[in-house]
Amino acid sequence: MTALGGSMIFTVTLGLFLALTLLVVSVEEGGNTVQNQAVPLTFAIVLLSQGASFHAGAITLGIIPLLLTLLLIWLVAWLTKMLSSSPKSYVTGLLVWVGVMWVFTQNVAVILEDPVWLVLLKSAMVFTVGFLCGALSGSATMKKCIQFVRDNISDRLVVALKLGFMNTAILLIGYLDIGLITVLFWVITNQSAVVRIFELSNMQTGSRILTTICTLAWLPNLCLWALSWLFGSGFSIGDLAAFSLWNDHASGLPALPVFAIFPPAVSNDVLRLCLISIPLVCGFLVGIVELFWSKYFAIGAGKPSEPVTIGRTIGQFLYPIVSFFLTSALMAVLMNILFVLSSGALGQHRLAKVGVDSVASSRVVCLPSALGFSLAWLVSVIIVAMVFAMRLFFGYLRAQNKPNVSSGDGTDDDIVDASDSLTTSVSSSKTGVLAEDETKIP
């Protein structure tokens, strides 16, 4: 039921929207009706959302609409959680899902770029990811695994691992939000160019609205491209255009409205430096908060009255290293996967590679973040070392002052002792004089 229900809900919803879009476009543009292409086009888009590229004539579409992919995974996960998450349900669901997708491959009006077995393999992977997301969240097996880890690993190591996963989620969501804000800024600043493209294409209001909504299916792709651009790597539209903070070369781009929002180069050197420093600052701030917050690592020198334990002092700096290393490794893997999925092809020759360089883009995102964590850790070591140094310094001063106090350094006690001694000596001298005078009296 999970596979059949998920495929039907997703396909029917997408098909109705595509049918509406084709109807509005055919009516407003005055061309022949293309509603009879709604069903095969729906099948093609469903397969495209699972990674199967296709081409029709001179048009090639190989960029995965990641928003549709995420919605499809969420739908499968929700149905799995609501209906059944047993291994038997997974096996039967996977067979049904692959069978439905095979039917789609036989009824598309386009030519698939990949062989059928590869298309079905990609579909199986999407279903598996969705099923695991629904089955593992809150399942008894996951709770047992978590309890096993807590029972067999020290509490501080559990906290370090937990923070490693939490840091990854925080940075990933934060960076995607930054990418979304960047895309919105592009749209606002370049809306006049988009309107000009619509006017040159003679598109009416309804067609503009619906085609813009269709473009939202690639919004996560644009967010990832914007993130790569913002942090210093950039993206390209085949051999026709390249966009980065230092370059905005473009010539002969197709008249697509989405291409009109792409930004010019940034001419201000200070602003460029600030933009490429964002991941460094983010990693540093997250690291500092976790290192010194009492709920997490609570790095510190302890109370002055407590005895200093070298092992404990050094050991408190080891667990953050585990957490930060885990975060850096997960970020490198996930960002590479996302950048690879966000790119694709829009043609056979000059538009065969559209998107970002996954390795370079991951480097400008993950390396500064890791450096930020390292810098935060180094700052914590310096701060704790300075606290110990100040304690030793003031302890040394107190030790030097104690002998001076006992020998007399002008304090009230010393003055009292000195006055008592003086009085005693004066009295003694007077007594001696009187005794000597008395002996001289005849």
Protein backbone atom coordinates (compact mmCIF):
# COMPACT_ATOMS: atom_id res chain seq x y z
CA MET A 1 0.00 0.00 0.00
CA THR A 2 2.87 2.39 0.71
CA ALA A 3 4.40 2.04 -2.76
CA LEU A 4 1.14 2.00 -4.66
CA GLY A 5 -0.41 4.82 -2.65
CA GLY A 6 2.70 6.99 -2.80
CA SER A 7 3.20 6.60 -6.54
CA MET A 8 -0.46 7.25 -7.30
CA ILE A 9 -0.79 10.32 -5.05
CA PHE A 10 2.39 11.87 -6.38
CA THR A 11 1.65 11.08 -10.03
CA VAL A 12 -1.98 12.21 -9.98
CA THR A 13 -1.19 15.49 -8.19
CA LEU A 14 1.68 16.28 -10.52
CA GLY A 15 -0.37 15.25 -13.57
CA LEU A 16 -3.28 17.55 -12.70
CA PHE A 17 -0.95 20.51 -12.30
CA LEU A 18 0.86 19.79 -15.56
CA ALA A 19 -2.47 19.40 -17.38
CA LEU A 20 -3.57 22.80 -16.03
CA THR A 21 -0.29 24.38 -17.08
CA LEU A 22 -0.46 22.95 -20.59
CA LEU A 23 -4.09 24.05 -20.95
CA VAL A 24 -3.38 27.63 -19.88
CA VAL A 25 -0.30 27.88 -22.09
CA SER A 26 -2.14 26.50 -25.14
CA VAL A 27 -5.09 28.86 -24.62
CA GLU A 28 -3.10 32.02 -23.96
CA GLU A 29 -0.45 31.44 -26.58
CA GLY A 30 -3.00 30.48 -29.21
CA GLY A 31 -1.27 27.29 -30.31
CA ASN A 32 -2.58 23.80 -30.80
CA THR A 33 -3.74 22.00 -27.72
CA VAL A 34 -1.07 19.90 -26.05
CA GLN A 35 -3.23 18.38 -23.34
CA ASN A 36 -2.82 14.95 -24.88
CA GLN A 37 0.84 15.15 -23.85
CA ALA A 38 -0.01 15.66 -20.17
CA VAL A 39 0.08 11.97 -19.17
CA PRO A 40 3.37 10.95 -20.85
CA LEU A 41 4.96 14.22 -19.70
CA THR A 42 3.82 13.47 -16.15
CA PHE A 43 5.45 10.04 -16.32
CA ALA A 44 8.66 11.63 -17.58
CA ILE A 45 8.73 14.22 -14.77
CA VAL A 46 8.11 11.53 -12.15
CA LEU A 47 11.10 9.60 -13.50
CA LEU A 48 13.14 12.81 -13.72
CA SER A 49 12.48 13.53 -10.04
CA GLN A 50 14.16 10.18 -9.33
CA GLY A 51 17.25 10.95 -11.40
CA ALA A 52 16.29 9.71 -14.89
CA SER A 53 17.21 12.31 -17.52
CA PHE A 54 15.59 12.40 -20.95
CA HIS A 55 15.62 14.30 -24.22
CA ALA A 56 13.03 15.15 -26.84
CA GLY A 57 14.46 16.36 -30.13
CA ALA A 58 17.07 19.03 -29.41
CA ILE A 59 15.86 19.50 -25.82
CA THR A 60 17.63 17.59 -23.06
CA LEU A 61 16.57 17.75 -19.43
CA GLY A 62 18.96 16.14 -16.99
CA ILE A 63 18.74 18.40 -13.92
CA ILE A 64 16.85 16.70 -11.10
CA PRO A 65 14.05 18.85 -9.62
CA LEU A 66 15.19 18.36 -6.03
CA LEU A 67 12.04 19.86 -4.55
CA LEU A 68 9.94 17.14 -6.19
CA THR A 69 12.46 14.53 -5.03
CA LEU A 70 12.22 15.75 -1.44
CA LEU A 71 8.42 15.77 -1.60
CA LEU A 72 8.41 12.23 -2.99
CA ILE A 73 10.73 10.98 -0.23
CA TRP A 74 8.63 12.73 2.41
CA LEU A 75 5.44 11.16 1.01
CA VAL A 76 6.92 7.65 1.08
CA ALA A 77 8.26 8.22 4.62
CA TRP A 78 4.88 9.49 5.86
CA LEU A 79 2.97 6.57 4.36
CA THR A 80 5.52 4.12 5.78
CA LYS A 81 5.12 5.58 9.25
CA MET A 82 1.31 5.56 8.97
CA LEU A 83 0.84 2.10 7.43
CA SER A 84 3.65 -0.38 8.01
CA SER A 85 7.43 -0.39 8.42
CA SER A 86 8.12 -4.11 8.59
CA PRO A 87 10.79 -5.77 6.39
CA LYS A 88 8.04 -7.61 4.52
CA SER A 89 6.35 -4.31 3.70
CA TYR A 90 9.65 -2.98 2.38
CA VAL A 91 10.24 -5.93 0.06
CA THR A 92 6.71 -5.96 -1.35
CA GLY A 93 6.66 -2.16 -1.57
CA LEU A 94 9.95 -2.08 -3.42
CA LEU A 95 8.71 -4.61 -5.98
CA VAL A 96 5.49 -2.66 -6.51
CA TRP A 97 7.36 0.64 -6.79
CA VAL A 98 9.83 -0.70 -9.33
CA GLY A 99 6.96 -2.29 -11.29
CA VAL A 100 5.06 1.01 -11.44
CA MET A 101 8.16 2.87 -12.59
CA TRP A 102 8.77 0.25 -15.28
CA VAL A 103 5.26 0.92 -16.59
CA PHE A 104 6.10 4.63 -16.68
CA THR A 105 9.25 3.98 -18.72
CA GLN A 106 7.16 2.17 -21.33
CA ASN A 107 4.67 5.02 -21.72
CA VAL A 108 6.78 8.17 -21.93
CA ALA A 109 6.82 10.28 -25.08
CA VAL A 110 10.52 11.13 -24.66
CA ILE A 111 13.77 9.22 -25.00
CA LEU A 112 15.37 8.29 -21.70
CA GLU A 113 19.09 8.97 -21.47
CA ASP A 114 19.73 6.06 -19.10
CA PRO A 115 18.99 2.38 -19.73
CA VAL A 116 15.83 1.03 -18.14
CA TRP A 117 17.67 -1.00 -15.50
CA LEU A 118 19.51 2.12 -14.29
CA VAL A 119 16.27 4.11 -14.16
CA LEU A 120 14.68 1.38 -12.05
CA LEU A 121 17.75 1.23 -9.80
CA LYS A 122 17.54 4.98 -9.14
CA SER A 123 13.83 4.66 -8.39
CA ALA A 124 14.53 1.82 -5.97
CA MET A 125 17.09 3.99 -4.17
CA VAL A 126 14.58 6.83 -3.77
CA PHE A 127 11.96 4.45 -2.38
CA THR A 128 14.52 2.91 -0.01
CA VAL A 129 15.55 6.30 1.35
CA GLY A 130 11.92 7.29 1.91
CA PHE A 131 11.06 3.96 3.55
CA LEU A 132 14.09 4.13 5.88
CA CYS A 133 13.25 7.70 6.90
CA GLY A 134 9.76 6.59 7.88
CA ALA A 135 10.72 3.27 9.43
CA LEU A 136 13.70 4.35 11.53
CA SER A 137 12.25 7.54 13.01
CA GLY A 138 10.91 6.58 16.42
CA SER A 139 11.12 2.83 15.76
CA ALA A 140 11.84 0.30 18.53
CA THR A 141 15.00 -0.82 16.72
CA MET A 142 16.39 2.71 16.66
CA LYS A 143 15.57 3.17 20.34
CA LYS A 144 17.38 -0.08 21.18
CA CYS A 145 20.44 1.05 19.20
CA ILE A 146 20.49 4.38 20.99
CA GLN A 147 20.15 2.68 24.36
CA PHE A 148 22.96 0.25 23.49
CA VAL A 149 25.24 3.15 22.62
CA ARG A 150 24.42 4.92 25.86
CA ASP A 151 25.05 1.79 27.91
CA ASN A 152 28.40 0.92 26.33
CA ILE A 153 29.95 4.32 25.66
CA SER A 154 30.90 7.01 28.14
CA ASP A 155 28.47 9.87 28.62
CA ARG A 156 30.92 12.49 27.36
CA LEU A 157 31.59 10.52 24.18
CA VAL A 158 27.83 10.15 23.62
CA VAL A 159 27.48 13.92 23.96
CA ALA A 160 30.35 14.43 21.50
CA LEU A 161 28.76 12.15 18.89
CA LYS A 162 25.34 13.71 19.41
CA LEU A 163 26.77 17.18 18.94
CA GLY A 164 28.57 16.04 15.81
CA PHE A 165 25.26 15.07 14.17
CA MET A 166 23.55 18.15 15.56
CA ASN A 167 26.27 20.46 14.20
CA THR A 168 25.88 18.88 10.77
CA ALA A 169 22.12 19.51 10.78
CA ILE A 170 22.57 23.09 12.02
CA LEU A 171 25.17 23.98 9.41
CA LEU A 172 23.34 22.23 6.57
CA ILE A 173 20.02 23.91 7.29
CA GLY A 174 21.71 27.24 7.94
CA TYR A 175 23.68 27.15 4.69
CA LEU A 176 20.59 26.20 2.68
CA ASP A 177 18.74 29.12 4.27
CA ILE A 178 21.60 31.41 3.29
CA GLY A 179 21.36 30.05 -0.26
CA LEU A 180 17.60 30.68 -0.31
CA ILE A 181 18.09 34.26 0.88
CA THR A 182 20.68 34.75 -1.87
CA VAL A 183 18.28 33.46 -4.54
CA LEU A 184 15.53 35.78 -3.27
CA PHE A 185 18.00 38.67 -3.45
CA TRP A 186 18.83 37.73 -7.04
CA VAL A 187 15.12 37.65 -7.93
CA ILE A 188 14.43 41.05 -6.34
CA THR A 189 17.42 42.80 -7.91
CA ASN A 190 16.98 41.23 -11.38
CA GLN A 191 13.19 41.16 -11.68
CA SER A 192 13.23 43.69 -14.50
CA ALA A 193 15.39 41.34 -16.60
CA VAL A 194 12.95 38.48 -15.93
CA VAL A 195 10.00 40.64 -17.01
CA ARG A 196 11.89 41.55 -20.18
CA ILE A 197 12.36 37.85 -21.01
CA PHE A 198 8.63 37.26 -20.51
CA GLU A 199 7.82 40.15 -22.81
CA LEU A 200 10.21 38.97 -25.51
CA SER A 201 8.58 35.52 -25.31
CA ASN A 202 5.08 37.07 -25.57
CA MET A 203 3.93 35.13 -22.53
CA GLN A 204 0.64 36.15 -20.93
CA THR A 205 -0.07 36.50 -17.23
CA GLY A 206 -1.39 32.98 -16.61
CA SER A 207 1.50 31.38 -18.45
CA ARG A 208 3.99 33.50 -16.51
CA ILE A 209 2.53 32.47 -13.17
CA LEU A 210 2.34 28.75 -13.93
CA THR A 211 5.78 28.53 -15.51
CA THR A 212 7.22 30.35 -12.51
CA ILE A 213 5.58 27.81 -10.20
CA CYS A 214 7.04 25.02 -12.33
CA THR A 215 10.47 26.58 -11.91
CA LEU A 216 10.12 26.25 -8.11
CA ALA A 217 10.69 22.51 -8.53
CA TRP A 218 14.37 23.42 -9.08
CA LEU A 219 14.52 25.92 -6.19
CA PRO A 220 16.83 23.70 -4.02
CA ASN A 221 19.16 23.40 -7.01
CA LEU A 222 19.31 27.18 -7.28
CA CYS A 223 19.94 27.48 -3.53
CA LEU A 224 22.94 25.16 -3.81
CA TRP A 225 24.26 27.06 -6.81
CA ALA A 226 23.83 30.32 -4.91
CA LEU A 227 25.68 28.85 -1.94
CA SER A 228 28.60 27.86 -4.16
CA TRP A 229 28.62 31.34 -5.73
CA LEU A 230 28.40 33.12 -2.37
CA PHE A 231 31.30 31.23 -0.80
CA GLY A 232 33.67 31.72 -3.71
CA SER A 233 33.35 28.82 -6.16
CA GLY A 234 30.52 29.68 -8.56
CA PHE A 235 28.52 27.81 -11.20
CA SER A 236 28.29 27.60 -14.96
CA ILE A 237 25.68 27.16 -17.67
CA GLY A 238 27.59 24.84 -19.96
CA ASP A 239 30.16 26.65 -22.06
CA LEU A 240 27.89 29.68 -22.47
CA ALA A 241 28.15 31.35 -19.07
CA ALA A 242 30.11 31.26 -15.82
CA PHE A 243 29.14 33.10 -12.65
CA SER A 244 31.31 33.73 -9.60
CA LEU A 245 32.15 36.58 -7.24
CA TRP A 246 34.92 37.61 -9.66
CA ASN A 247 33.32 36.78 -13.03
CA ASP A 248 29.95 37.06 -14.77
CA HIS A 249 30.74 35.98 -18.30
CA ALA A 250 27.62 35.09 -20.32
CA SER A 251 26.94 34.90 -24.05
CA GLY A 252 24.24 33.20 -26.06
CA LEU A 253 22.15 31.92 -23.15
CA PRO A 254 18.71 30.51 -24.02
CA ALA A 255 15.81 32.88 -23.37
CA LEU A 256 14.69 31.22 -20.16
CA PRO A 257 13.37 33.53 -17.41
CA VAL A 258 15.31 31.70 -14.71
CA PHE A 259 18.60 32.55 -16.42
CA ALA A 260 17.81 36.27 -16.07
CA ILE A 261 18.13 36.21 -12.27
CA PHE A 262 21.77 35.16 -12.24
CA PRO A 263 23.98 37.81 -10.60
CA PRO A 264 26.81 40.02 -11.80
CA ALA A 265 30.28 39.85 -10.28
CA VAL A 266 30.96 41.61 -6.98
CA SER A 267 33.37 44.50 -7.47
CA ASN A 268 33.96 45.35 -3.80
CA ASP A 269 36.95 43.44 -2.41
CA VAL A 270 35.88 43.90 1.21
CA LEU A 271 32.41 42.56 0.46
CA ARG A 272 33.87 39.53 -1.33
CA LEU A 273 36.10 38.81 1.66
CA CYS A 274 33.10 39.04 4.00
CA LEU A 275 31.04 36.66 1.87
CA ILE A 276 33.67 33.95 1.57
CA SER A 277 34.30 34.22 5.34
CA ILE A 278 30.72 33.27 6.24
CA PRO A 279 31.37 29.52 6.69
CA LEU A 280 34.47 30.27 8.78
CA VAL A 281 32.47 32.54 11.08
CA CYS A 282 29.59 30.05 11.30
CA GLY A 283 31.90 27.19 12.28
CA PHE A 284 33.69 29.38 14.82
CA LEU A 285 30.47 30.60 16.48
CA VAL A 286 28.93 27.13 16.70
CA GLY A 287 32.17 25.75 18.12
CA ILE A 288 32.60 28.50 20.73
CA VAL A 289 29.01 28.14 21.97
CA GLU A 290 29.31 24.38 22.38
CA LEU A 291 32.75 24.49 23.98
CA PHE A 292 31.83 26.89 26.79
CA TRP A 293 28.09 26.27 27.27
CA SER A 294 27.41 24.29 30.43
CA LYS A 295 24.88 22.03 28.64
CA TYR A 296 27.53 20.73 26.26
CA PHE A 297 31.31 20.48 26.72
CA ALA A 298 31.60 23.13 29.46
CA ILE A 299 35.32 23.74 28.90
CA GLY A 300 36.93 25.43 31.89
CA ALA A 301 39.79 25.57 34.37
CA GLY A 302 37.67 24.59 37.37
CA LYS A 303 37.45 26.45 40.68
CA PRO A 304 40.64 27.85 42.19
CA SER A 305 40.07 25.83 45.37
CA GLU A 306 39.91 22.55 43.46
CA PRO A 307 43.11 20.55 42.89
CA VAL A 308 44.40 20.61 39.32
CA THR A 309 44.17 17.25 37.53
CA ILE A 310 46.30 17.15 34.39
CA GLY A 311 44.43 14.18 32.90
CA ARG A 312 41.01 15.79 33.35
CA THR A 313 42.22 19.15 32.04
CA ILE A 314 43.65 17.63 28.88
CA GLY A 315 40.82 15.13 28.45
CA GLN A 316 38.13 17.81 28.25
CA PHE A 317 39.69 19.03 24.99
CA LEU A 318 39.67 15.59 23.33
CA TYR A 319 35.90 15.09 23.10
CA PRO A 320 35.31 18.33 21.12
CA ILE A 321 37.89 17.10 18.60
CA VAL A 322 35.78 13.95 18.04
CA SER A 323 32.63 16.03 17.61
CA PHE A 324 34.19 18.56 15.23
CA PHE A 325 35.87 15.85 13.16
CA LEU A 326 32.56 13.98 12.81
CA THR A 327 30.82 17.20 11.75
CA SER A 328 33.48 17.98 9.15
CA ALA A 329 33.36 14.46 7.70
CA LEU A 330 29.56 14.38 7.47
CA MET A 331 29.44 17.85 5.95
CA ALA A 332 31.99 16.89 3.29
CA VAL A 333 30.01 13.79 2.28
CA LEU A 334 26.56 15.41 2.33
CA MET A 335 27.60 18.59 0.53
CA ASN A 336 29.32 16.57 -2.19
CA ILE A 337 26.17 14.50 -2.71
CA LEU A 338 23.91 17.56 -2.79
CA PHE A 339 26.13 19.44 -5.24
CA VAL A 340 26.31 16.41 -7.53
CA LEU A 341 22.51 16.00 -7.47
CA SER A 342 21.93 19.70 -8.13
CA SER A 343 23.81 19.67 -11.43
CA GLY A 344 22.95 18.09 -14.75
CA ALA A 345 22.54 18.78 -18.46
CA LEU A 346 20.32 20.95 -20.63
CA GLY A 347 21.75 19.88 -23.97
CA GLN A 348 24.14 17.63 -25.80
CA HIS A 349 27.09 19.89 -26.53
CA ARG A 350 27.54 23.41 -25.12
CA LEU A 351 24.92 22.81 -22.42
CA ALA A 352 26.06 19.34 -21.49
CA LYS A 353 27.26 20.46 -18.00
CA VAL A 354 25.08 22.88 -16.07
CA GLY A 355 25.59 23.61 -12.40
CA VAL A 356 28.57 23.52 -10.06
CA ASP A 357 31.85 21.71 -9.67
CA SER A 358 30.99 19.48 -6.72
CA VAL A 359 34.57 19.14 -5.44
CA ALA A 360 35.38 22.85 -5.60
CA SER A 361 32.01 23.83 -4.15
CA SER A 362 32.31 21.38 -1.27
CA ARG A 363 35.78 22.68 -0.54
CA VAL A 364 34.71 26.33 -0.20
CA VAL A 365 31.85 25.30 2.11
CA CYS A 366 33.37 22.56 4.26
CA LEU A 367 37.01 23.60 4.61
CA PRO A 368 36.31 27.06 6.13
CA SER A 369 33.71 25.50 8.43
CA ALA A 370 36.28 22.99 9.67
CA LEU A 371 38.81 25.80 10.12
CA GLY A 372 36.22 27.68 12.16
CA PHE A 373 35.81 24.71 14.48
CA SER A 374 39.59 24.36 14.78
CA LEU A 375 39.96 28.05 15.56
CA ALA A 376 37.27 27.84 18.26
CA TRP A 377 39.04 24.86 19.83
CA LEU A 378 42.38 26.67 19.76
CA VAL A 379 40.84 29.76 21.37
CA SER A 380 39.40 27.60 24.16
CA VAL A 381 42.84 26.09 24.83
CA ILE A 382 44.41 29.55 24.98
CA ILE A 383 41.74 30.89 27.33
CA VAL A 384 42.07 27.97 29.76
CA ALA A 385 45.87 28.19 29.61
CA MET A 386 45.71 31.92 30.40
CA VAL A 387 43.46 31.22 33.42
CA PHE A 388 45.97 28.70 34.79
CA ALA A 389 48.85 31.11 34.10
CA MET A 390 47.12 33.93 35.98
CA ARG A 391 46.44 31.64 38.93
CA LEU A 392 50.08 30.57 39.06
CA PHE A 393 51.22 34.19 38.81
CA PHE A 394 49.03 35.45 41.65
CA GLY A 395 49.90 32.37 43.70
CA TYR A 396 53.56 33.21 43.24
CA LEU A 397 52.97 36.79 44.38
CA ARG A 398 51.18 35.61 47.52
CA ALA A 399 54.03 33.21 48.27
CA GLN A 400 56.55 36.05 47.94
CA ASN A 401 54.58 38.37 50.22
CA LYS A 402 54.30 35.98 53.18
CA PRO A 403 57.93 36.23 54.44
CA ASN A 404 57.84 40.03 54.25
CA VAL A 405 54.77 40.07 56.40
CA SER A 406 56.41 37.99 59.14
CA SER A 407 59.61 40.15 59.25
CA GLY A 408 57.75 43.41 59.40
CA ASP A 409 56.70 45.50 56.48
CA GLY A 410 54.95 48.42 58.11
CA THR A 411 51.72 46.72 59.12
CA ASP A 412 49.84 47.51 62.32
CA ASP A 413 51.08 44.37 64.07
CA ASP A 414 54.66 45.23 63.31
CA ILE A 415 54.20 48.74 64.64
CA VAL A 416 52.68 47.42 67.87
CA ASP A 417 55.55 44.94 68.34
CA ALA A 418 58.14 47.63 67.67
CA SER A 419 56.55 50.05 70.14
CA ASP A 420 56.42 47.36 72.84
CA SER A 421 60.12 46.60 72.34
CA LEU A 422 61.01 50.26 72.49
CA THR A 423 59.05 50.75 75.71
CA THR A 424 60.73 47.75 77.32
CA SER A 425 64.22 48.92 76.40
CA VAL A 426 63.57 52.46 77.65
CA SER A 427 62.20 51.18 80.95
CA SER A 428 65.24 48.92 81.35
CA SER A 429 67.64 51.75 80.73
CA LYS A 430 65.90 54.00 83.24
CA THR A 431 65.97 51.29 85.87
CA GLY A 432 69.67 50.77 85.29
CA VAL A 433 70.44 54.46 85.64
CA LEU A 434 68.46 54.74 88.85
CA ALA A 435 70.21 51.70 90.34
CA GLU A 436 73.65 53.10 89.48
CA ASP A 437 72.84 56.47 91.02
CA GLU A 438 71.60 54.84 94.18
CA THR A 439 74.89 53.00 94.64
CA LYS A 440 76.82 56.29 94.41
CA ILE A 441 74.96 57.86 97.41
CA PRO A 442 77.11 57.83 100.50
